[in-house]
C-alpha atoms as a PDB file:
ATOM      1  CA  MET A   1     -30.384 -33.078 -76.605  1.00  0.00           C
ATOM      2  CA  THR A   2     -32.505 -30.082 -76.495  1.00  0.00           C
ATOM      3  CA  ALA A   3     -30.747 -26.719 -75.638  1.00  0.00           C
ATOM      4  CA  SER A   4     -32.497 -26.590 -72.321  1.00  0.00           C
ATOM      5  CA  TRP A   5     -31.107 -29.894 -71.601  1.00  0.00           C
ATOM      6  CA  LYS A   6     -27.687 -28.484 -72.219  1.00  0.00           C
ATOM      7  CA  GLN A   7     -28.191 -25.670 -70.176  1.00  0.00           C
ATOM      8  CA  ILE A   8     -28.931 -27.813 -67.130  1.00  0.00           C
ATOM      9  CA  LEU A   9     -26.028 -30.214 -67.644  1.00  0.00           C
ATOM     10  CA  LEU A  10     -23.709 -26.953 -67.930  1.00  0.00           C
ATOM     11  CA  ILE A  11     -25.161 -25.493 -64.562  1.00  0.00           C
ATOM     12  CA  LEU A  12     -24.929 -28.617 -62.760  1.00  0.00           C
ATOM     13  CA  ALA A  13     -21.099 -29.145 -63.656  1.00  0.00           C
ATOM     14  CA  SER A  14     -20.429 -25.646 -62.756  1.00  0.00           C
ATOM     15  CA  CYS A  15     -21.845 -26.175 -59.212  1.00  0.00           C
ATOM     16  CA  ARG A  16     -19.443 -29.054 -58.790  1.00  0.00           C
ATOM     17  CA  HIS A  17     -16.734 -26.610 -58.613  1.00  0.00           C
ATOM     18  CA  ILE A  18     -18.561 -24.151 -56.203  1.00  0.00           C
ATOM     19  CA  SER A  19     -17.074 -24.630 -52.309  1.00  0.00           C
ATOM     20  CA  THR A  20     -19.922 -25.513 -50.090  1.00  0.00           C
ATOM     21  CA  LYS A  21     -17.865 -24.507 -46.930  1.00  0.00           C
ATOM     22  CA  THR A  22     -19.398 -21.574 -45.055  1.00  0.00           C
ATOM     23  CA  ALA A  23     -16.932 -18.695 -44.735  1.00  0.00           C
ATOM     24  CA  SER A  24     -15.961 -17.618 -41.282  1.00  0.00           C
ATOM     25  CA  PRO A  25     -17.784 -14.633 -39.979  1.00  0.00           C
ATOM     26  CA  THR A  26     -15.571 -11.597 -40.431  1.00  0.00           C
ATOM     27  CA  PRO A  27     -15.047  -9.621 -36.867  1.00  0.00           C
ATOM     28  CA  THR A  28     -17.246  -6.819 -36.341  1.00  0.00           C
ATOM     29  CA  PRO A  29     -14.899  -3.791 -35.799  1.00  0.00           C
ATOM     30  CA  LEU A  30     -15.716  -1.565 -32.703  1.00  0.00           C
ATOM     31  CA  VAL A  31     -17.241   1.458 -34.011  1.00  0.00           C
ATOM     32  CA  PRO A  32     -19.386   4.114 -32.233  1.00  0.00           C
ATOM     33  CA  GLU A  33     -23.108   4.094 -32.032  1.00  0.00           C
ATOM     34  CA  ALA A  34     -24.697   6.673 -33.903  1.00  0.00           C
ATOM     35  CA  SER A  35     -27.563   6.978 -31.451  1.00  0.00           C
ATOM     36  CA  LEU A  36     -25.308   7.687 -28.367  1.00  0.00           C
ATOM     37  CA  PRO A  37     -23.875  10.683 -27.065  1.00  0.00           C
ATOM     38  CA  ALA A  38     -20.027  11.173 -27.270  1.00  0.00           C
ATOM     39  CA  LYS A  39     -17.574  12.006 -24.884  1.00  0.00           C
ATOM     40  CA  LYS A  40     -13.871  12.119 -24.864  1.00  0.00           C
ATOM     41  CA  PHE A  41     -11.116  12.037 -21.848  1.00  0.00           C
ATOM     42  CA  GLU A  42      -7.445  12.786 -22.264  1.00  0.00           C
ATOM     43  CA  LEU A  43      -4.413  11.966 -20.140  1.00  0.00           C
ATOM     44  CA  LYS A  44      -0.971  13.285 -20.495  1.00  0.00           C
ATOM     45  CA  ASP A  45       2.032  12.004 -18.893  1.00  0.00           C
ATOM     46  CA  ALA A  46      -0.150  10.932 -16.146  1.00  0.00           C
ATOM     47  CA  ILE A  47       1.153   9.124 -13.143  1.00  0.00           C
ATOM     48  CA  GLU A  48      -2.121   8.816 -11.072  1.00  0.00           C
ATOM     49  CA  PRO A  49      -5.079   7.158 -12.339  1.00  0.00           C
ATOM     50  CA  GLU A  50      -8.125   9.235 -13.571  1.00  0.00           C
ATOM     51  CA  THR A  51     -11.611   8.317 -12.296  1.00  0.00           C
ATOM     52  CA  ILE A  52     -14.516   8.935 -14.831  1.00  0.00           C
ATOM     53  CA  GLU A  53     -17.861   8.470 -13.469  1.00  0.00           C
ATOM     54  CA  LEU A  54     -20.496   7.551 -16.359  1.00  0.00           C
ATOM     55  CA  HIS A  55     -24.319   6.745 -15.666  1.00  0.00           C
ATOM     56  CA  HIS A  56     -25.915   6.303 -19.033  1.00  0.00           C
ATOM     57  CA  HIS A  57     -25.003   4.670 -22.483  1.00  0.00           C
ATOM     58  CA  VAL A  58     -22.138   6.764 -24.252  1.00  0.00           C
ATOM     59  CA  ASN A  59     -19.458   6.510 -26.836  1.00  0.00           C
ATOM     60  CA  VAL A  60     -16.049   7.230 -24.964  1.00  0.00           C
ATOM     61  CA  THR A  61     -12.789   8.461 -26.639  1.00  0.00           C
ATOM     62  CA  LEU A  62     -10.035   7.541 -24.463  1.00  0.00           C
ATOM     63  CA  GLU A  63      -6.517   9.319 -25.710  1.00  0.00           C
ATOM     64  CA  CYS A  64      -3.278   9.015 -24.192  1.00  0.00           C
ATOM     65  CA  THR A  65      -0.227  11.660 -25.075  1.00  0.00           C
ATOM     66  CA  TRP A  66       3.335  10.832 -23.534  1.00  0.00           C
ATOM     67  CA  THR A  67       6.153  13.112 -24.295  1.00  0.00           C
ATOM     68  CA  GLY A  68       8.835  10.224 -23.964  1.00  0.00           C
ATOM     69  CA  ASN A  69      11.803  10.035 -22.311  1.00  0.00           C
ATOM     70  CA  GLN A  70      15.625  11.039 -23.438  1.00  0.00           C
ATOM     71  CA  ASN A  71      15.940   8.407 -25.889  1.00  0.00           C
ATOM     72  CA  LYS A  72      13.000   9.283 -28.088  1.00  0.00           C
ATOM     73  CA  LEU A  73      12.623   6.707 -30.894  1.00  0.00           C
ATOM     74  CA  PRO A  74      10.844   7.244 -34.273  1.00  0.00           C
ATOM     75  CA  ASN A  75       8.101   4.919 -33.177  1.00  0.00           C
ATOM     76  CA  LEU A  76       7.235   2.346 -30.397  1.00  0.00           C
ATOM     77  CA  PRO A  77       4.573  -0.584 -29.973  1.00  0.00           C
ATOM     78  CA  GLY A  78       1.306   0.543 -28.022  1.00  0.00           C
ATOM     79  CA  TYR A  79      -1.641  -1.240 -27.050  1.00  0.00           C
ATOM     80  CA  TRP A  80      -4.770  -1.247 -24.486  1.00  0.00           C
ATOM     81  CA  ARG A  81      -5.381  -3.247 -21.401  1.00  0.00           C
ATOM     82  CA  LYS A  82      -8.831  -3.705 -19.551  1.00  0.00           C
ATOM     83  CA  ASP A  83      -8.689  -4.802 -15.926  1.00  0.00           C
ATOM     84  CA  GLY A  84      -4.841  -6.054 -16.581  1.00  0.00           C
ATOM     85  CA  GLN A  85      -5.872  -8.071 -19.631  1.00  0.00           C
ATOM     86  CA  GLU A  86      -4.495  -7.286 -23.184  1.00  0.00           C
ATOM     87  CA  ARG A  87      -7.511  -5.848 -25.218  1.00  0.00           C
ATOM     88  CA  PRO A  88      -7.509  -8.172 -28.462  1.00  0.00           C
ATOM     89  CA  ASP A  89      -6.434  -6.193 -31.818  1.00  0.00           C
ATOM     90  CA  SER A  90      -5.423  -3.313 -29.973  1.00  0.00           C
ATOM     91  CA  HIS A  91      -1.752  -3.182 -31.155  1.00  0.00           C
ATOM     92  CA  VAL A  92      -0.842  -0.510 -32.888  1.00  0.00           C
ATOM     93  CA  THR A  93       2.335   1.316 -34.003  1.00  0.00           C
ATOM     94  CA  VAL A  94       3.106   4.802 -32.285  1.00  0.00           C
ATOM     95  CA  GLU A  95       4.770   7.312 -34.407  1.00  0.00           C
ATOM     96  CA  LEU A  96       6.650  10.042 -32.890  1.00  0.00           C
ATOM     97  CA  LYS A  97       4.824  13.445 -33.939  1.00  0.00           C
ATOM     98  CA  ASN A  98       5.486  16.845 -32.680  1.00  0.00           C
ATOM     99  CA  ASP A  99       7.930  15.500 -30.051  1.00  0.00           C
ATOM    100  CA  GLN A 100       5.400  13.171 -28.376  1.00  0.00           C
ATOM    101  CA  TYR A 101       3.371   9.945 -28.791  1.00  0.00           C
ATOM    102  CA  ASN A 102      -0.313   9.717 -28.883  1.00  0.00           C
ATOM    103  CA  ILE A 103      -2.604   6.668 -28.885  1.00  0.00           C
ATOM    104  CA  LYS A 104      -6.591   6.466 -28.375  1.00  0.00           C
ATOM    105  CA  VAL A 105      -9.375   3.902 -28.465  1.00  0.00           C
ATOM    106  CA  VAL A 106     -13.275   4.220 -28.931  1.00  0.00           C
ATOM    107  CA  LEU A 107     -15.502   2.489 -26.549  1.00  0.00           C
ATOM    108  CA  ILE A 108     -19.127   1.842 -26.680  1.00  0.00           C
ATOM    109  CA  ILE A 109     -20.347   1.879 -22.587  1.00  0.00           C
ATOM    110  CA  ASN A 110     -23.556   0.473 -22.761  1.00  0.00           C
ATOM    111  CA  SER A 111     -23.599  -2.103 -19.824  1.00  0.00           C
ATOM    112  CA  GLU A 112     -21.486  -2.787 -16.189  1.00  0.00           C
ATOM    113  CA  GLU A 113     -19.481  -5.084 -17.897  1.00  0.00           C
ATOM    114  CA  SER A 114     -18.160  -2.102 -20.369  1.00  0.00           C
ATOM    115  CA  LEU A 115     -16.914  -0.492 -17.149  1.00  0.00           C
ATOM    116  CA  GLY A 116     -13.374  -1.071 -15.558  1.00  0.00           C
ATOM    117  CA  ASN A 117      -9.872   0.079 -15.708  1.00  0.00           C
ATOM    118  CA  TYR A 118      -8.621   0.949 -19.111  1.00  0.00           C
ATOM    119  CA  SER A 119      -4.544   1.461 -19.363  1.00  0.00           C
ATOM    120  CA  CYS A 120      -2.721   2.648 -22.381  1.00  0.00           C
ATOM    121  CA  VAL A 121       0.822   1.133 -22.744  1.00  0.00           C
ATOM    122  CA  PHE A 122       3.543   2.663 -24.587  1.00  0.00           C
ATOM    123  CA  GLY A 123       6.107  -0.356 -25.086  1.00  0.00           C
ATOM    124  CA  ASP A 124       7.733  -1.167 -21.954  1.00  0.00           C
ATOM    125  CA  GLU A 125       8.086   2.240 -21.068  1.00  0.00           C
ATOM    126  CA  THR A 126       5.049   3.527 -19.242  1.00  0.00           C
ATOM    127  CA  GLU A 127       1.273   3.511 -18.959  1.00  0.00           C
ATOM    128  CA  MET A 128      -2.057   5.455 -17.980  1.00  0.00           C
ATOM    129  CA  THR A 129      -5.056   4.419 -16.507  1.00  0.00           C
ATOM    130  CA  PHE A 130      -8.683   5.484 -16.838  1.00  0.00           C
ATOM    131  CA  VAL A 131     -11.082   4.097 -14.259  1.00  0.00           C
ATOM    132  CA  LEU A 132     -14.524   4.185 -15.735  1.00  0.00           C
ATOM    133  CA  THR A 133     -17.289   3.713 -13.239  1.00  0.00           C
ATOM    134  CA  VAL A 134     -20.756   4.801 -11.959  1.00  0.00           C
ATOM    135  CA  PRO A 135     -21.265   7.542  -9.581  1.00  0.00           C
ATOM    136  CA  GLN A 136     -19.868   6.360  -6.161  1.00  0.00           C
ATOM    137  CA  ILE A 137     -21.777   6.690  -3.098  1.00  0.00           C
ATOM    138  CA  GLY A 138     -19.654   9.146  -0.735  1.00  0.00           C
ATOM    139  CA  GLU A 139     -20.606   7.572   2.825  1.00  0.00           C
ATOM    140  CA  LYS A 140     -18.808   4.472   3.695  1.00  0.00           C
ATOM    141  CA  ARG A 141     -18.964   2.876   7.129  1.00  0.00           C
ATOM    142  CA  ASP A 142     -16.036   1.060   8.676  1.00  0.00           C
ATOM    143  CA  LYS A 143     -17.687   0.057  11.910  1.00  0.00           C
ATOM    144  CA  PRO A 144     -20.493  -1.980  12.252  1.00  0.00           C
ATOM    145  CA  ILE A 145     -23.984  -1.020  13.174  1.00  0.00           C
ATOM    146  CA  VAL A 146     -25.138  -2.583  16.363  1.00  0.00           C
ATOM    147  CA  SER A 147     -28.621  -3.008  17.563  1.00  0.00           C
ATOM    148  CA  TYR A 148     -30.378  -5.416  19.845  1.00  0.00           C
ATOM    149  CA  LEU A 149     -32.704  -8.573  19.828  1.00  0.00           C
ATOM    150  CA  ARG A 150     -36.721  -7.626  19.212  1.00  0.00           C
ATOM    151  CA  ASP A 151     -35.612  -4.148  18.653  1.00  0.00           C
ATOM    152  CA  PHE A 152     -35.585  -2.443  15.125  1.00  0.00           C
ATOM    153  CA  VAL A 153     -32.789  -0.793  13.250  1.00  0.00           C
ATOM    154  CA  VAL A 154     -32.737   1.848  10.299  1.00  0.00           C
ATOM    155  CA  MET A 155     -29.412   1.499   7.871  1.00  0.00           C
ATOM    156  CA  THR A 156     -29.228   4.603   5.746  1.00  0.00           C
ATOM    157  CA  CYS A 157     -27.131   5.218   2.043  1.00  0.00           C
ATOM    158  CA  LYS A 158     -26.677   8.593   0.696  1.00  0.00           C
ATOM    159  CA  MET A 159     -25.538   9.700  -2.609  1.00  0.00           C
ATOM    160  CA  ASP A 160     -24.380  13.749  -2.957  1.00  0.00           C
ATOM    161  CA  ASN A 161     -26.604  15.521  -5.405  1.00  0.00           C
ATOM    162  CA  LYS A 162     -23.491  16.747  -7.358  1.00  0.00           C
ATOM    163  CA  HIS A 163     -24.217  13.277  -9.006  1.00  0.00           C
ATOM    164  CA  PRO A 164     -27.014  12.327 -11.171  1.00  0.00           C
ATOM    165  CA  GLU A 165     -30.093  11.065  -9.510  1.00  0.00           C
ATOM    166  CA  PRO A 166     -30.327   7.050  -9.413  1.00  0.00           C
ATOM    167  CA  SER A 167     -33.090   5.509 -11.218  1.00  0.00           C
ATOM    168  CA  THR A 168     -33.944   3.558  -8.228  1.00  0.00           C
ATOM    169  CA  TRP A 169     -32.394   2.167  -4.908  1.00  0.00           C
ATOM    170  CA  THR A 170     -32.119  -1.449  -3.840  1.00  0.00           C
ATOM    171  CA  TRP A 171     -30.607  -3.239  -1.181  1.00  0.00           C
ATOM    172  CA  PHE A 172     -28.889  -6.734  -0.756  1.00  0.00           C
ATOM    173  CA  LYS A 173     -27.722  -8.983   2.042  1.00  0.00           C
ATOM    174  CA  ASP A 174     -24.745 -10.971   1.523  1.00  0.00           C
ATOM    175  CA  ASN A 175     -25.596 -14.835   2.427  1.00  0.00           C
ATOM    176  CA  GLY A 176     -22.131 -16.155   2.347  1.00  0.00           C
ATOM    177  CA  THR A 177     -22.068 -17.112  -1.386  1.00  0.00           C
ATOM    178  CA  GLU A 178     -23.620 -14.096  -3.158  1.00  0.00           C
ATOM    179  CA  LYS A 179     -25.650 -10.883  -2.559  1.00  0.00           C
ATOM    180  CA  GLU A 180     -29.185 -11.804  -2.435  1.00  0.00           C
ATOM    181  CA  GLN A 181     -31.663  -9.109  -3.216  1.00  0.00           C
ATOM    182  CA  ILE A 182     -33.981  -8.073  -0.338  1.00  0.00           C
ATOM    183  CA  THR A 183     -37.553  -8.173  -1.341  1.00  0.00           C
ATOM    184  CA  VAL A 184     -40.081  -6.616   1.125  1.00  0.00           C
ATOM    185  CA  ASP A 185     -43.078  -8.566  -0.127  1.00  0.00           C
ATOM    186  CA  VAL A 186     -41.391 -11.689   1.012  1.00  0.00           C
ATOM    187  CA  THR A 187     -41.461 -11.063   4.607  1.00  0.00           C
ATOM    188  CA  PRO A 188     -44.218  -8.217   5.106  1.00  0.00           C
ATOM    189  CA  GLY A 189     -43.457  -6.214   8.290  1.00  0.00           C
ATOM    190  CA  HIS A 190     -39.835  -7.122   8.682  1.00  0.00           C
ATOM    191  CA  TYR A 191     -38.355  -4.941   5.940  1.00  0.00           C
ATOM    192  CA  GLU A 192     -39.394  -1.435   4.627  1.00  0.00           C
ATOM    193  CA  ILE A 193     -37.411   0.346   1.996  1.00  0.00           C
ATOM    194  CA  ILE A 194     -37.665   4.156   2.132  1.00  0.00           C
ATOM    195  CA  ASN A 195     -36.251   6.174  -0.867  1.00  0.00           C
ATOM    196  CA  GLU A 196     -36.098  10.130  -0.293  1.00  0.00           C
ATOM    197  CA  LYS A 197     -34.237  13.101  -1.614  1.00  0.00           C
ATOM    198  CA  ASP A 198     -33.693  16.797  -0.077  1.00  0.00           C
ATOM    199  CA  GLU A 199     -31.755  19.616  -1.447  1.00  0.00           C
ATOM    200  CA  LYS A 200     -28.055  18.001  -0.872  1.00  0.00           C
ATOM    201  CA  THR A 201     -28.562  14.310  -1.052  1.00  0.00           C
ATOM    202  CA  PHE A 202     -30.477  11.490  -2.687  1.00  0.00           C
ATOM    203  CA  LYS A 203     -30.704   8.603   0.024  1.00  0.00           C
ATOM    204  CA  THR A 204     -32.611   5.280   0.633  1.00  0.00           C
ATOM    205  CA  LYS A 205     -33.256   3.745   4.007  1.00  0.00           C
ATOM    206  CA  LEU A 206     -33.788   0.239   5.103  1.00  0.00           C
ATOM    207  CA  LYS A 207     -35.829  -0.377   7.902  1.00  0.00           C
ATOM    208  CA  MET A 208     -35.970  -3.969   9.848  1.00  0.00           C
ATOM    209  CA  ARG A 209     -38.295  -4.575  12.777  1.00  0.00           C
ATOM    210  CA  ASP A 210     -38.329  -7.578  15.417  1.00  0.00           C
ATOM    211  CA  LEU A 211     -34.289  -8.439  14.912  1.00  0.00           C
ATOM    212  CA  SER A 212     -33.331 -11.680  15.469  1.00  0.00           C
ATOM    213  CA  ASP A 213     -29.677 -13.462  15.245  1.00  0.00           C
ATOM    214  CA  ALA A 214     -30.399 -14.179  11.647  1.00  0.00           C
ATOM    215  CA  ASP A 215     -30.412 -10.261  10.684  1.00  0.00           C
ATOM    216  CA  SER A 216     -26.852  -9.948  11.589  1.00  0.00           C
ATOM    217  CA  GLY A 217     -24.539  -9.926   8.728  1.00  0.00           C
ATOM    218  CA  VAL A 218     -23.245  -7.639   5.884  1.00  0.00           C
ATOM    219  CA  TYR A 219     -25.947  -5.592   3.734  1.00  0.00           C
ATOM    220  CA  TYR A 220     -25.308  -3.460   0.433  1.00  0.00           C
ATOM    221  CA  CYS A 221     -27.284  -0.891  -0.727  1.00  0.00           C
ATOM    222  CA  GLY A 222     -27.194  -0.323  -4.338  1.00  0.00           C
ATOM    223  CA  ALA A 223     -27.769   3.115  -6.609  1.00  0.00           C
ATOM    224  CA  VAL A 224     -29.259   1.796  -9.826  1.00  0.00           C
ATOM    225  CA  TYR A 225     -27.940   3.480 -12.988  1.00  0.00           C
ATOM    226  CA  PRO A 226     -28.798   2.551 -16.771  1.00  0.00           C
ATOM    227  CA  ILE A 227     -25.361   1.109 -17.006  1.00  0.00           C
ATOM    228  CA  GLY A 228     -24.546  -0.265 -13.563  1.00  0.00           C
ATOM    229  CA  ILE A 229     -25.327  -0.310  -9.882  1.00  0.00           C
ATOM    230  CA  SER A 230     -22.794   1.780  -7.381  1.00  0.00           C
ATOM    231  CA  MET A 231     -22.666  -0.333  -4.176  1.00  0.00           C
ATOM    232  CA  SER A 232     -21.862   0.874  -0.640  1.00  0.00           C
ATOM    233  CA  ARG A 233     -21.261  -1.839   2.248  1.00  0.00           C
ATOM    234  CA  MET A 234     -22.224  -2.088   5.863  1.00  0.00           C
ATOM    235  CA  GLU A 235     -22.441  -4.792   8.734  1.00  0.00           C
ATOM    236  CA  LEU A 236     -25.342  -5.090  11.196  1.00  0.00           C
ATOM    237  CA  LYS A 237     -24.478  -6.848  14.656  1.00  0.00           C
ATOM    238  CA  VAL A 238     -27.608  -7.827  16.507  1.00  0.00           C
ATOM    239  CA  ILE A 239     -26.676  -8.615  19.965  1.00  0.00           C
ATOM    240  CA  SER A 240     -28.826  -9.448  23.369  1.00  0.00           C
ATOM    241  CA  PHE A 241     -29.469  -6.455  26.077  1.00  0.00           C
ATOM    242  CA  MET A 242     -27.175  -8.316  28.198  1.00  0.00           C
ATOM    243  CA  GLU A 243     -24.218  -8.135  25.985  1.00  0.00           C
ATOM    244  CA  PRO A 244     -23.039  -4.534  26.871  1.00  0.00           C
ATOM    245  CA  VAL A 245     -23.100  -5.520  30.402  1.00  0.00           C
ATOM    246  CA  LYS A 246     -20.997  -8.655  29.988  1.00  0.00           C
ATOM    247  CA  PRO A 247     -17.724  -6.467  30.337  1.00  0.00           C
ATOM    248  CA  PHE A 248     -18.764  -5.026  33.585  1.00  0.00           C
ATOM    249  CA  LEU A 249     -19.954  -8.350  34.945  1.00  0.00           C
ATOM    250  CA  TYR A 250     -16.533  -9.689  34.260  1.00  0.00           C
ATOM    251  CA  ILE A 251     -14.827  -6.990  35.909  1.00  0.00           C
ATOM    252  CA  LEU A 252     -17.158  -7.194  39.056  1.00  0.00           C
ATOM    253  CA  VAL A 253     -16.289 -10.706  39.338  1.00  0.00           C
ATOM    254  CA  GLU A 254     -12.667 -10.034  39.204  1.00  0.00           C
ATOM    255  CA  VAL A 255     -12.973  -7.155  41.721  1.00  0.00           C
ATOM    256  CA  VAL A 256     -15.115  -9.715  44.071  1.00  0.00           C
ATOM    257  CA  VAL A 257     -12.563 -12.491  43.887  1.00  0.00           C
ATOM    258  CA  LEU A 258      -9.553  -9.807  44.485  1.00  0.00           C
ATOM    259  CA  VAL A 259     -11.237  -8.383  47.352  1.00  0.00           C
ATOM    260  CA  ALA A 260     -12.006 -11.957  48.780  1.00  0.00           C
ATOM    261  CA  ALA A 261      -8.346 -12.883  48.506  1.00  0.00           C
ATOM    262  CA  VAL A 262      -7.000  -9.891  50.233  1.00  0.00           C
ATOM    263  CA  LEU A 263      -9.691 -10.551  53.218  1.00  0.00           C
ATOM    264  CA  PHE A 264      -8.638 -14.102  53.390  1.00  0.00           C
ATOM    265  CA  TYR A 265      -4.972 -12.858  53.490  1.00  0.00           C
ATOM    266  CA  GLU A 266      -5.354 -10.454  56.191  1.00  0.00           C
ATOM    267  CA  ARG A 267      -7.435 -12.957  58.202  1.00  0.00           C
ATOM    268  CA  SER A 268      -4.947 -15.501  58.147  1.00  0.00           C
ATOM    269  CA  GLN A 269      -2.399 -12.920  59.080  1.00  0.00           C
ATOM    270  CA  SER A 270      -4.490 -11.793  61.974  1.00  0.00           C
ATOM    271  CA  LYS A 271      -4.667 -15.265  63.229  1.00  0.00           C
ATOM    272  CA  LYS A 272      -0.924 -16.033  62.922  1.00  0.00           C
ATOM    273  CA  SER A 273      -0.188 -12.653  64.727  1.00  0.00           C
ATOM    274  CA  ASN A 274      -2.724 -13.697  67.514  1.00  0.00           C
ATOM    275  CA  THR A 275      -1.329 -16.948  67.847  1.00  0.00           C
ATOM    276  CA  GLU A 276       2.261 -15.468  68.405  1.00  0.00           C
ATOM    277  CA  GLU A 277       1.052 -13.237  70.984  1.00  0.00           C
ATOM    278  CA  ASN A 278      -0.638 -15.856  72.954  1.00  0.00           C
ATOM    279  CA  GLY A 279       2.527 -17.844  72.800  1.00  0.00           C
ATOM    280  CA  SER A 280       4.533 -15.394  74.278  1.00  0.00           C
ATOM    281  CA  THR A 281       2.239 -14.489  77.096  1.00  0.00           C
ATOM    282  CA  ALA A 282       2.497 -18.015  78.274  1.00  0.00           C
ATOM    283  CA  ASP A 283       6.133 -18.221  78.268  1.00  0.00           C
ATOM    284  CA  GLN A 284       6.199 -15.274  80.465  1.00  0.00           C
ATOM    285  CA  ARG A 285       3.957 -16.896  82.610  1.00  0.00           C
ATOM    286  CA  ASP A 286       5.785 -19.963  82.921  1.00  0.00           C
ATOM    287  CA  THR A 287       8.972 -17.943  83.906  1.00  0.00           C
ATOM    288  CA  GLU A 288       7.533 -15.828  86.725  1.00  0.00           C
ATOM    289  CA  PRO A 289       6.986 -18.372  89.055  1.00  0.00           C
ATOM    290  CA  GLN A 290      10.441 -19.712  88.689  1.00  0.00           C
ATOM    291  CA  GLY A 291      11.644 -16.204  89.618  1.00  0.00           C
ATOM    292  CA  ASP A 292       9.604 -16.092  92.718  1.00  0.00           C
ATOM    293  CA  ALA A 293      10.634 -19.506  94.170  1.00  0.00           C
ATOM    294  CA  LYS A 294      14.191 -18.453  93.707  1.00  0.00           C
ATOM    295  CA  GLU A 295      13.757 -15.131  95.681  1.00  0.00           C
ATOM    296  CA  ALA A 296      11.985 -17.191  98.221  1.00  0.00           C
ATOM    297  CA  GLU A 297      14.958 -19.541  98.518  1.00  0.00           C
ATOM    298  CA  GLU A 298      17.482 -16.638  99.058  1.00  0.00           C
ATOM    299  CA  SER A 299      15.417 -15.171 101.560  1.00  0.00           C
ATOM    300  CA  ASN A 300      15.054 -18.322 103.701  1.00  0.00           C
ATOM    301  CA  SER A 301      19.309 -18.746 103.219  1.00  0.00           C
ATOM    302  CA  VAL A 302      19.528 -15.047 104.828  1.00  0.00           C
ATOM    303  CA  ARG A 303      17.702 -15.982 107.576  1.00  0.00           C
ATOM    304  CA  GLN A 304      19.458 -19.177 108.359  1.00  0.00           C
ATOM    305  CA  ARG A 305      22.721 -17.103 108.679  1.00  0.00           C
ATOM    306  CA  LYS A 306      21.092 -14.534 110.908  1.00  0.00           C
ATOM    307  CA  ALA A 307      20.019 -17.297 113.020  1.00  0.00           C
END
């Protein structure tokens, strides 16, 4: 057997001892992206949540500091929660240093899913919460907007210019199951979206013409940012021109019924009193002849005595 064949056999024999199983992928640790800007936010012994508005992709460091209670342990367990759910692989042992406990986490904020409520938890003792969100639309409507059939309406959303300018604006209507985006081209002439800005505000307007009952419902305006959309809710009610008059018509009917009842009562009382007066007059007439006859009889008896 030649040397080359021996080498081939040795290689085949060694391959029999090599495992053919594919190694499970190692979880990639969450590390900052070098191309993104970095921001750091801190809380110390905070009770109320801290709201942080973000509008672009960024590496965020959240840090919590707790000065502890009277019974300060040398260390205690700590971890992070997002929207009430414990984040995997976030458990650490927090040591007491400089008479306080400190825990931090680095996050890559690059989508709407990465926003939310992040809470640092120190054992069973305390927790502090950061609320990461896109800039919020300041104007909120509690009462519905009312308009009329075949009329038009203009709904407006405003964003204070202390916030970054949105990339664009969009509008949605709630169809009962989801938010359906309003597209101007689908129904030409019915919808018109107007985006404006001035010295104080960024704003968007949704104008609807030739309103019908189907236009009633809940609408949302959205300020679009690279990492998410800031929404504001408003309700539209489309009514007929007779709708505002209906309460007055109901009142008018009630007044007419009441007046009719009063007149009927007064008339019946008047008839009753007239009947009683007529009866008393007739009784008087019946008693008067009897008295005259009695007087005549007395006068006749007097005459007979004189005779």
